[in-house]
């Protein structure tokens, strides 16, 4: 799976793999593909969890990939991605804007 499409995919766990190791997020997780200016981006929305994990994604990580699960079922495997930006939404969740 390289691009999740424009319909949101929901899960309850995501494993983010970076050059510095892995991070595990648990909670209400969503990923969706968006198109802007002729380019495709992936936007995983990660729950407000461990502040250090969020800081790592916001400030230190430039490349990552992630595996998303719903229960024991794998619902999305990303290709290697480059972080293009991050922002928070009203509930504190972190949205990572990324592209291959």
PDB file of N, CA and C in Angstrom:
ATOM      1  N   UNK A   1       0.851  -1.179   0.000  1.00  0.00           N
ATOM      2  CA  UNK A   1       0.000   0.000   0.000  1.00  0.00           C
ATOM      3  C   UNK A   1       0.892   1.236   0.000  1.00  0.00           C
ATOM      4  N   UNK A   2       0.773   2.064  -1.012  1.00  0.00           N
ATOM      5  CA  UNK A   2       1.638   3.223  -1.051  1.00  0.00           C
ATOM      6  C   UNK A   2       0.909   4.522  -0.737  1.00  0.00           C
ATOM      7  N   UNK A   3      -0.336   4.619  -1.137  1.00  0.00           N
ATOM      8  CA  UNK A   3      -1.112   5.833  -0.864  1.00  0.00           C
ATOM      9  C   UNK A   3      -2.475   5.398  -0.361  1.00  0.00           C
ATOM     10  N   UNK A   4      -2.914   5.913   0.787  1.00  0.00           N
ATOM     11  CA  UNK A   4      -4.144   5.377   1.370  1.00  0.00           C
ATOM     12  C   UNK A   4      -5.425   5.821   0.682  1.00  0.00           C
ATOM     13  N   UNK A   5      -5.366   6.755  -0.241  1.00  0.00           N
ATOM     14  CA  UNK A   5      -6.575   7.267  -0.865  1.00  0.00           C
ATOM     15  C   UNK A   5      -7.194   8.358  -0.020  1.00  0.00           C
ATOM     16  N   UNK A   6      -8.243   8.958  -0.530  1.00  0.00           N
ATOM     17  CA  UNK A   6      -8.831  10.122   0.140  1.00  0.00           C
ATOM     18  C   UNK A   6      -9.888   9.765   1.176  1.00  0.00           C
ATOM     19  N   UNK A   7     -10.236   8.508   1.282  1.00  0.00           N
ATOM     20  CA  UNK A   7     -11.165   8.076   2.335  1.00  0.00           C
ATOM     21  C   UNK A   7     -10.356   7.700   3.569  1.00  0.00           C
ATOM     22  N   UNK A   8     -10.675   8.268   4.721  1.00  0.00           N
ATOM     23  CA  UNK A   8      -9.892   7.986   5.934  1.00  0.00           C
ATOM     24  C   UNK A   8      -9.899   6.505   6.298  1.00  0.00           C
ATOM     25  N   UNK A   9      -8.762   6.042   6.761  1.00  0.00           N
ATOM     26  CA  UNK A   9      -8.613   4.697   7.313  1.00  0.00           C
ATOM     27  C   UNK A   9      -8.435   4.876   8.814  1.00  0.00           C
ATOM     28  N   UNK A  10      -9.173   4.114   9.604  1.00  0.00           N
ATOM     29  CA  UNK A  10      -9.116   4.248  11.060  1.00  0.00           C
ATOM     30  C   UNK A  10      -8.469   3.016  11.678  1.00  0.00           C
ATOM     31  N   UNK A  11      -7.764   3.243  12.766  1.00  0.00           N
ATOM     32  CA  UNK A  11      -7.132   2.161  13.492  1.00  0.00           C
ATOM     33  C   UNK A  11      -7.013   2.512  14.952  1.00  0.00           C
ATOM     34  N   UNK A  12      -6.419   1.581  15.715  1.00  0.00           N
ATOM     35  CA  UNK A  12      -6.271   1.813  17.149  1.00  0.00           C
ATOM     36  C   UNK A  12      -4.821   1.720  17.620  1.00  0.00           C
ATOM     37  N   UNK A  13      -3.914   1.448  16.679  1.00  0.00           N
ATOM     38  CA  UNK A  13      -2.494   1.379  17.036  1.00  0.00           C
ATOM     39  C   UNK A  13      -1.662   1.661  15.798  1.00  0.00           C
ATOM     40  N   UNK A  14      -0.566   2.384  15.988  1.00  0.00           N
ATOM     41  CA  UNK A  14       0.365   2.621  14.895  1.00  0.00           C
ATOM     42  C   UNK A  14       1.783   2.503  15.434  1.00  0.00           C
ATOM     43  N   UNK A  15       2.630   1.865  14.648  1.00  0.00           N
ATOM     44  CA  UNK A  15       4.047   1.767  14.965  1.00  0.00           C
ATOM     45  C   UNK A  15       4.770   2.647  13.959  1.00  0.00           C
ATOM     46  N   UNK A  16       5.482   3.656  14.468  1.00  0.00           N
ATOM     47  CA  UNK A  16       6.235   4.585  13.629  1.00  0.00           C
ATOM     48  C   UNK A  16       7.703   4.179  13.696  1.00  0.00           C
ATOM     49  N   UNK A  17       8.307   3.972  12.530  1.00  0.00           N
ATOM     50  CA  UNK A  17       9.704   3.557  12.457  1.00  0.00           C
ATOM     51  C   UNK A  17      10.527   4.723  11.924  1.00  0.00           C
ATOM     52  N   UNK A  18      11.528   5.130  12.697  1.00  0.00           N
ATOM     53  CA  UNK A  18      12.424   6.220  12.291  1.00  0.00           C
ATOM     54  C   UNK A  18      13.855   5.689  12.297  1.00  0.00           C
ATOM     55  N   UNK A  19      14.780   6.509  11.880  1.00  0.00           N
ATOM     56  CA  UNK A  19      16.182   6.133  11.939  1.00  0.00           C
ATOM     57  C   UNK A  19      16.694   6.000  13.364  1.00  0.00           C
ATOM     58  N   UNK A  20      15.935   6.490  14.321  1.00  0.00           N
ATOM     59  CA  UNK A  20      16.340   6.445  15.725  1.00  0.00           C
ATOM     60  C   UNK A  20      15.637   5.334  16.500  1.00  0.00           C
ATOM     61  N   UNK A  21      14.766   4.560  15.853  1.00  0.00           N
ATOM     62  CA  UNK A  21      14.063   3.490  16.540  1.00  0.00           C
ATOM     63  C   UNK A  21      12.585   3.499  16.200  1.00  0.00           C
ATOM     64  N   UNK A  22      11.781   2.880  17.054  1.00  0.00           N
ATOM     65  CA  UNK A  22      10.345   2.805  16.818  1.00  0.00           C
ATOM     66  C   UNK A  22       9.581   3.487  17.946  1.00  0.00           C
ATOM     67  N   UNK A  23       8.391   3.961  17.594  1.00  0.00           N
ATOM     68  CA  UNK A  23       7.473   4.552  18.570  1.00  0.00           C
ATOM     69  C   UNK A  23       6.125   3.899  18.361  1.00  0.00           C
ATOM     70  N   UNK A  24       5.442   3.613  19.448  1.00  0.00           N
ATOM     71  CA  UNK A  24       4.147   2.951  19.409  1.00  0.00           C
ATOM     72  C   UNK A  24       3.092   3.920  19.926  1.00  0.00           C
ATOM     73  N   UNK A  25       2.069   4.192  19.126  1.00  0.00           N
ATOM     74  CA  UNK A  25       0.963   5.054  19.532  1.00  0.00           C
ATOM     75  C   UNK A  25      -0.296   4.205  19.610  1.00  0.00           C
ATOM     76  N   UNK A  26      -1.078   4.371  20.669  1.00  0.00           N
ATOM     77  CA  UNK A  26      -2.316   3.626  20.851  1.00  0.00           C
ATOM     78  C   UNK A  26      -3.433   4.624  21.095  1.00  0.00           C
ATOM     79  N   UNK A  27      -4.569   4.403  20.467  1.00  0.00           N
ATOM     80  CA  UNK A  27      -5.726   5.284  20.622  1.00  0.00           C
ATOM     81  C   UNK A  27      -6.445   5.432  19.300  1.00  0.00           C
ATOM     82  N   UNK A  28      -7.214   6.484  19.174  1.00  0.00           N
ATOM     83  CA  UNK A  28      -7.967   6.755  17.953  1.00  0.00           C
ATOM     84  C   UNK A  28      -7.007   7.331  16.911  1.00  0.00           C
ATOM     85  N   UNK A  29      -6.715   6.548  15.877  1.00  0.00           N
ATOM     86  CA  UNK A  29      -5.737   6.932  14.866  1.00  0.00           C
ATOM     87  C   UNK A  29      -6.423   6.937  13.509  1.00  0.00           C
ATOM     88  N   UNK A  30      -6.075   7.938  12.706  1.00  0.00           N
ATOM     89  CA  UNK A  30      -6.651   8.061  11.365  1.00  0.00           C
ATOM     90  C   UNK A  30      -5.522   8.372  10.404  1.00  0.00           C
ATOM     91  N   UNK A  31      -5.619   7.842   9.198  1.00  0.00           N
ATOM     92  CA  UNK A  31      -4.700   8.225   8.130  1.00  0.00           C
ATOM     93  C   UNK A  31      -5.516   8.478   6.878  1.00  0.00           C
ATOM     94  N   UNK A  32      -5.098   9.464   6.121  1.00  0.00           N
ATOM     95  CA  UNK A  32      -5.826   9.824   4.907  1.00  0.00           C
ATOM     96  C   UNK A  32      -4.838  10.387   3.897  1.00  0.00           C
ATOM     97  N   UNK A  33      -5.120  10.175   2.635  1.00  0.00           N
ATOM     98  CA  UNK A  33      -4.332  10.767   1.567  1.00  0.00           C
ATOM     99  C   UNK A  33      -4.977  12.073   1.131  1.00  0.00           C
ATOM    100  N   UNK A  34      -4.176  13.084   0.897  1.00  0.00           N
ATOM    101  CA  UNK A  34      -4.678  14.378   0.437  1.00  0.00           C
ATOM    102  C   UNK A  34      -3.850  14.816  -0.765  1.00  0.00           C
ATOM    103  N   UNK A  35      -4.460  15.629  -1.607  1.00  0.00           N
ATOM    104  CA  UNK A  35      -3.761  16.188  -2.763  1.00  0.00           C
ATOM    105  C   UNK A  35      -3.743  17.700  -2.619  1.00  0.00           C
ATOM    106  N   UNK A  36      -2.553  18.257  -2.788  1.00  0.00           N
ATOM    107  CA  UNK A  36      -2.381  19.710  -2.751  1.00  0.00           C
ATOM    108  C   UNK A  36      -1.394  20.103  -3.829  1.00  0.00           C
ATOM    109  N   UNK A  37      -1.753  21.089  -4.602  1.00  0.00           N
ATOM    110  CA  UNK A  37      -0.860  21.616  -5.635  1.00  0.00           C
ATOM    111  C   UNK A  37      -0.289  20.518  -6.528  1.00  0.00           C
ATOM    112  N   UNK A  38      -1.107  19.542  -6.859  1.00  0.00           N
ATOM    113  CA  UNK A  38      -0.680  18.472  -7.748  1.00  0.00           C
ATOM    114  C   UNK A  38       0.183  17.400  -7.107  1.00  0.00           C
ATOM    115  N   UNK A  39       0.336  17.423  -5.797  1.00  0.00           N
ATOM    116  CA  UNK A  39       1.156  16.443  -5.090  1.00  0.00           C
ATOM    117  C   UNK A  39       0.295  15.646  -4.119  1.00  0.00           C
ATOM    118  N   UNK A  40       0.643  14.388  -3.912  1.00  0.00           N
ATOM    119  CA  UNK A  40      -0.058  13.550  -2.958  1.00  0.00           C
ATOM    120  C   UNK A  40       0.688  13.487  -1.638  1.00  0.00           C
ATOM    121  N   UNK A  41      -0.043  13.630  -0.556  1.00  0.00           N
ATOM    122  CA  UNK A  41       0.517  13.568   0.788  1.00  0.00           C
ATOM    123  C   UNK A  41      -0.264  12.561   1.615  1.00  0.00           C
ATOM    124  N   UNK A  42       0.380  12.017   2.619  1.00  0.00           N
ATOM    125  CA  UNK A  42      -0.264  11.153   3.599  1.00  0.00           C
ATOM    126  C   UNK A  42      -0.314  11.930   4.906  1.00  0.00           C
ATOM    127  N   UNK A  43      -1.463  11.888   5.578  1.00  0.00           N
ATOM    128  CA  UNK A  43      -1.600  12.588   6.847  1.00  0.00           C
ATOM    129  C   UNK A  43      -2.087  11.632   7.936  1.00  0.00           C
ATOM    130  N   UNK A  44      -1.147  11.021   8.670  1.00  0.00           N
ATOM    131  CA  UNK A  44      -1.576  10.260   9.840  1.00  0.00           C
ATOM    132  C   UNK A  44      -1.879  11.218  10.991  1.00  0.00           C
ATOM    133  N   UNK A  45      -2.977  10.960  11.692  1.00  0.00           N
ATOM    134  CA  UNK A  45      -3.344  11.738  12.879  1.00  0.00           C
ATOM    135  C   UNK A  45      -3.118  10.844  14.082  1.00  0.00           C
ATOM    136  N   UNK A  46      -2.160  11.239  14.915  1.00  0.00           N
ATOM    137  CA  UNK A  46      -1.751  10.435  16.062  1.00  0.00           C
ATOM    138  C   UNK A  46      -2.326  11.016  17.341  1.00  0.00           C
ATOM    139  N   UNK A  47      -2.809  10.170  18.252  1.00  0.00           N
ATOM    140  CA  UNK A  47      -3.434  10.660  19.476  1.00  0.00           C
ATOM    141  C   UNK A  47      -2.458  11.446  20.338  1.00  0.00           C
ATOM    142  N   UNK A  48      -3.013  12.355  21.135  1.00  0.00           N
ATOM    143  CA  UNK A  48      -2.209  13.112  22.084  1.00  0.00           C
ATOM    144  C   UNK A  48      -1.714  12.128  23.134  1.00  0.00           C
ATOM    145  N   UNK A  49      -0.446  11.813  23.078  1.00  0.00           N
ATOM    146  CA  UNK A  49       0.107  10.778  23.953  1.00  0.00           C
ATOM    147  C   UNK A  49       1.394  11.294  24.581  1.00  0.00           C
ATOM    148  N   UNK A  50       2.398  10.498  24.561  1.00  0.00           N
ATOM    149  CA  UNK A  50       3.694  10.832  25.144  1.00  0.00           C
ATOM    150  C   UNK A  50       4.265  12.085  24.482  1.00  0.00           C
ATOM    151  N   UNK A  51       4.441  13.151  25.234  1.00  0.00           N
ATOM    152  CA  UNK A  51       4.949  14.399  24.653  1.00  0.00           C
ATOM    153  C   UNK A  51       6.318  14.244  23.986  1.00  0.00           C
ATOM    154  N   UNK A  52       7.164  13.350  24.513  1.00  0.00           N
ATOM    155  CA  UNK A  52       8.491  13.162  23.918  1.00  0.00           C
ATOM    156  C   UNK A  52       8.373  12.569  22.516  1.00  0.00           C
ATOM    157  N   UNK A  53       7.445  11.628  22.321  1.00  0.00           N
ATOM    158  CA  UNK A  53       7.247  11.051  20.997  1.00  0.00           C
ATOM    159  C   UNK A  53       6.807  12.130  20.012  1.00  0.00           C
ATOM    160  N   UNK A  54       5.893  12.976  20.426  1.00  0.00           N
ATOM    161  CA  UNK A  54       5.436  14.051  19.548  1.00  0.00           C
ATOM    162  C   UNK A  54       6.571  15.013  19.222  1.00  0.00           C
ATOM    163  N   UNK A  55       7.380  15.365  20.215  1.00  0.00           N
ATOM    164  CA  UNK A  55       8.517  16.266  19.954  1.00  0.00           C
ATOM    165  C   UNK A  55       9.484  15.632  18.960  1.00  0.00           C
ATOM    166  N   UNK A  56       9.715  14.337  19.105  1.00  0.00           N
ATOM    167  CA  UNK A  56      10.611  13.645  18.178  1.00  0.00           C
ATOM    168  C   UNK A  56      10.078  13.742  16.758  1.00  0.00           C
ATOM    169  N   UNK A  57       8.790  13.484  16.578  1.00  0.00           N
ATOM    170  CA  UNK A  57       8.213  13.565  15.236  1.00  0.00           C
ATOM    171  C   UNK A  57       8.185  14.998  14.707  1.00  0.00           C
ATOM    172  N   UNK A  58       7.886  15.943  15.565  1.00  0.00           N
ATOM    173  CA  UNK A  58       7.781  17.343  15.139  1.00  0.00           C
ATOM    174  C   UNK A  58       9.139  17.960  14.825  1.00  0.00           C
ATOM    175  N   UNK A  59      10.158  17.627  15.604  1.00  0.00           N
ATOM    176  CA  UNK A  59      11.417  18.361  15.522  1.00  0.00           C
ATOM    177  C   UNK A  59      12.618  17.568  15.021  1.00  0.00           C
ATOM    178  N   UNK A  60      12.655  16.286  15.258  1.00  0.00           N
ATOM    179  CA  UNK A  60      13.873  15.540  14.979  1.00  0.00           C
ATOM    180  C   UNK A  60      13.785  14.608  13.786  1.00  0.00           C
ATOM    181  N   UNK A  61      12.609  14.120  13.495  1.00  0.00           N
ATOM    182  CA  UNK A  61      12.465  13.117  12.452  1.00  0.00           C
ATOM    183  C   UNK A  61      12.202  13.775  11.106  1.00  0.00           C
ATOM    184  N   UNK A  62      12.970  13.381  10.105  1.00  0.00           N
ATOM    185  CA  UNK A  62      12.701  13.862   8.751  1.00  0.00           C
ATOM    186  C   UNK A  62      12.191  12.731   7.872  1.00  0.00           C
ATOM    187  N   UNK A  63      12.551  11.515   8.201  1.00  0.00           N
ATOM    188  CA  UNK A  63      12.088  10.344   7.439  1.00  0.00           C
ATOM    189  C   UNK A  63      11.512   9.307   8.395  1.00  0.00           C
ATOM    190  N   UNK A  64      10.445   8.654   7.940  1.00  0.00           N
ATOM    191  CA  UNK A  64       9.833   7.616   8.761  1.00  0.00           C
ATOM    192  C   UNK A  64       8.934   6.759   7.879  1.00  0.00           C
ATOM    193  N   UNK A  65       8.464   5.686   8.425  1.00  0.00           N
ATOM    194  CA  UNK A  65       7.387   4.903   7.834  1.00  0.00           C
ATOM    195  C   UNK A  65       6.536   4.423   8.994  1.00  0.00           C
ATOM    196  N   UNK A  66       5.329   3.971   8.688  1.00  0.00           N
ATOM    197  CA  UNK A  66       4.484   3.518   9.786  1.00  0.00           C
ATOM    198  C   UNK A  66       3.598   2.369   9.365  1.00  0.00           C
ATOM    199  N   UNK A  67       3.269   1.548  10.355  1.00  0.00           N
ATOM    200  CA  UNK A  67       2.375   0.411  10.204  1.00  0.00           C
ATOM    201  C   UNK A  67       1.173   0.684  11.082  1.00  0.00           C
ATOM    202  N   UNK A  68      -0.021   0.620  10.505  1.00  0.00           N
ATOM    203  CA  UNK A  68      -1.244   0.942  11.237  1.00  0.00           C
ATOM    204  C   UNK A  68      -2.108  -0.309  11.379  1.00  0.00           C
ATOM    205  N   UNK A  69      -2.674  -0.478  12.571  1.00  0.00           N
ATOM    206  CA  UNK A  69      -3.452  -1.669  12.900  1.00  0.00           C
ATOM    207  C   UNK A  69      -4.825  -1.299  13.439  1.00  0.00           C
ATOM    208  N   UNK A  70      -5.768  -2.192  13.218  1.00  0.00           N
ATOM    209  CA  UNK A  70      -7.067  -2.148  13.864  1.00  0.00           C
ATOM    210  C   UNK A  70      -7.241  -3.515  14.507  1.00  0.00           C
ATOM    211  N   UNK A  71      -7.109  -3.545  15.822  1.00  0.00           N
ATOM    212  CA  UNK A  71      -7.054  -4.833  16.502  1.00  0.00           C
ATOM    213  C   UNK A  71      -5.780  -5.543  16.063  1.00  0.00           C
ATOM    214  N   UNK A  72      -5.909  -6.784  15.623  1.00  0.00           N
ATOM    215  CA  UNK A  72      -4.754  -7.547  15.145  1.00  0.00           C
ATOM    216  C   UNK A  72      -4.568  -7.438  13.638  1.00  0.00           C
ATOM    217  N   UNK A  73      -5.442  -6.713  12.973  1.00  0.00           N
ATOM    218  CA  UNK A  73      -5.404  -6.621  11.511  1.00  0.00           C
ATOM    219  C   UNK A  73      -4.589  -5.405  11.050  1.00  0.00           C
ATOM    220  N   UNK A  74      -3.674  -5.621  10.123  1.00  0.00           N
ATOM    221  CA  UNK A  74      -2.918  -4.526   9.532  1.00  0.00           C
ATOM    222  C   UNK A  74      -3.820  -3.822   8.524  1.00  0.00           C
ATOM    223  N   UNK A  75      -4.019  -2.503   8.695  1.00  0.00           N
ATOM    224  CA  UNK A  75      -4.896  -1.765   7.789  1.00  0.00           C
ATOM    225  C   UNK A  75      -4.140  -0.833   6.849  1.00  0.00           C
ATOM    226  N   UNK A  76      -2.868  -0.519   7.165  1.00  0.00           N
ATOM    227  CA  UNK A  76      -2.082   0.323   6.263  1.00  0.00           C
ATOM    228  C   UNK A  76      -0.603   0.189   6.582  1.00  0.00           C
ATOM    229  N   UNK A  77       0.205   0.028   5.533  1.00  0.00           N
ATOM    230  CA  UNK A  77       1.661   0.027   5.640  1.00  0.00           C
ATOM    231  C   UNK A  77       2.157   1.138   4.728  1.00  0.00           C
ATOM    232  N   UNK A  78       2.814   2.126   5.285  1.00  0.00           N
ATOM    233  CA  UNK A  78       3.280   3.238   4.460  1.00  0.00           C
ATOM    234  C   UNK A  78       4.599   2.899   3.787  1.00  0.00           C
ATOM    235  N   UNK A  79       4.888   3.576   2.686  1.00  0.00           N
ATOM    236  CA  UNK A  79       6.243   3.504   2.138  1.00  0.00           C
ATOM    237  C   UNK A  79       7.140   4.412   2.984  1.00  0.00           C
ATOM    238  N   UNK A  80       8.445   4.422   2.747  1.00  0.00           N
ATOM    239  CA  UNK A  80       9.289   5.408   3.428  1.00  0.00           C
ATOM    240  C   UNK A  80       8.807   6.817   3.074  1.00  0.00           C
ATOM    241  N   UNK A  81       8.664   7.655   4.084  1.00  0.00           N
ATOM    242  CA  UNK A  81       8.106   8.997   3.901  1.00  0.00           C
ATOM    243  C   UNK A  81       9.057  10.059   4.439  1.00  0.00           C
ATOM    244  N   UNK A  82       8.908  11.264   3.907  1.00  0.00           N
ATOM    245  CA  UNK A  82       9.637  12.431   4.407  1.00  0.00           C
ATOM    246  C   UNK A  82       8.616  13.379   5.034  1.00  0.00           C
ATOM    247  N   UNK A  83       8.917  13.853   6.230  1.00  0.00           N
ATOM    248  CA  UNK A  83       8.032  14.792   6.918  1.00  0.00           C
ATOM    249  C   UNK A  83       8.046  16.124   6.163  1.00  0.00           C
ATOM    250  N   UNK A  84       6.859  16.617   5.811  1.00  0.00           N
ATOM    251  CA  UNK A  84       6.726  17.914   5.129  1.00  0.00           C
ATOM    252  C   UNK A  84       6.190  18.987   6.062  1.00  0.00           C
ATOM    253  N   UNK A  85       5.643  18.571   7.203  1.00  0.00           N
ATOM    254  CA  UNK A  85       5.114  19.520   8.179  1.00  0.00           C
ATOM    255  C   UNK A  85       4.308  18.788   9.231  1.00  0.00           C
ATOM    256  N   UNK A  86       4.025  19.477  10.312  1.00  0.00           N
ATOM    257  CA  UNK A  86       3.178  18.934  11.373  1.00  0.00           C
ATOM    258  C   UNK A  86       2.290  20.047  11.898  1.00  0.00           C
ATOM    259  N   UNK A  87       1.150  19.663  12.437  1.00  0.00           N
ATOM    260  CA  UNK A  87       0.292  20.612  13.135  1.00  0.00           C
ATOM    261  C   UNK A  87      -0.601  19.836  14.095  1.00  0.00           C
ATOM    262  N   UNK A  88      -1.147  20.544  15.036  1.00  0.00           N
ATOM    263  CA  UNK A  88      -2.045  19.923  16.019  1.00  0.00           C
ATOM    264  C   UNK A  88      -3.478  20.338  15.724  1.00  0.00           C
ATOM    265  N   UNK A  89      -4.398  19.446  16.063  1.00  0.00           N
ATOM    266  CA  UNK A  89      -5.813  19.772  15.925  1.00  0.00           C
ATOM    267  C   UNK A  89      -6.375  20.029  17.317  1.00  0.00           C
ATOM    268  N   UNK A  90      -7.643  20.431  17.375  1.00  0.00           N
ATOM    269  CA  UNK A  90      -8.245  20.911  18.615  1.00  0.00           C
ATOM    270  C   UNK A  90      -8.162  19.953  19.792  1.00  0.00           C
ATOM    271  N   UNK A  91      -8.146  18.646  19.567  1.00  0.00           N
ATOM    272  CA  UNK A  91      -8.083  17.698  20.692  1.00  0.00           C
ATOM    273  C   UNK A  91      -6.651  17.374  21.117  1.00  0.00           C
ATOM    274  N   UNK A  92      -5.657  18.038  20.523  1.00  0.00           N
ATOM    275  CA  UNK A  92      -4.260  17.819  20.880  1.00  0.00           C
ATOM    276  C   UNK A  92      -3.549  16.792  20.032  1.00  0.00           C
ATOM    277  N   UNK A  93      -4.288  16.101  19.159  1.00  0.00           N
ATOM    278  CA  UNK A  93      -3.676  15.102  18.296  1.00  0.00           C
ATOM    279  C   UNK A  93      -2.685  15.756  17.335  1.00  0.00           C
ATOM    280  N   UNK A  94      -1.650  15.009  16.979  1.00  0.00           N
ATOM    281  CA  UNK A  94      -0.630  15.490  16.066  1.00  0.00           C
ATOM    282  C   UNK A  94      -0.906  14.971  14.667  1.00  0.00           C
ATOM    283  N   UNK A  95      -0.960  15.872  13.694  1.00  0.00           N
ATOM    284  CA  UNK A  95      -1.110  15.501  12.291  1.00  0.00           C
ATOM    285  C   UNK A  95       0.254  15.687  11.636  1.00  0.00           C
ATOM    286  N   UNK A  96       0.765  14.622  11.034  1.00  0.00           N
ATOM    287  CA  UNK A  96       2.045  14.667  10.345  1.00  0.00           C
ATOM    288  C   UNK A  96       1.756  14.658   8.849  1.00  0.00           C
ATOM    289  N   UNK A  97       2.229  15.675   8.136  1.00  0.00           N
ATOM    290  CA  UNK A  97       2.066  15.750   6.688  1.00  0.00           C
ATOM    291  C   UNK A  97       3.334  15.183   6.078  1.00  0.00           C
ATOM    292  N   UNK A  98       3.206  14.133   5.262  1.00  0.00           N
ATOM    293  CA  UNK A  98       4.378  13.445   4.742  1.00  0.00           C
ATOM    294  C   UNK A  98       4.168  13.022   3.290  1.00  0.00           C
ATOM    295  N   UNK A  99       5.260  12.818   2.597  1.00  0.00           N
ATOM    296  CA  UNK A  99       5.218  12.361   1.203  1.00  0.00           C
ATOM    297  C   UNK A  99       6.430  11.482   0.945  1.00  0.00           C
ATOM    298  N   UNK A 100       6.321  10.598  -0.038  1.00  0.00           N
ATOM    299  CA  UNK A 100       7.491   9.752  -0.388  1.00  0.00           C
ATOM    300  C   UNK A 100       8.655  10.580  -0.880  1.00  0.00           C
TER     301      UNK A 100
END
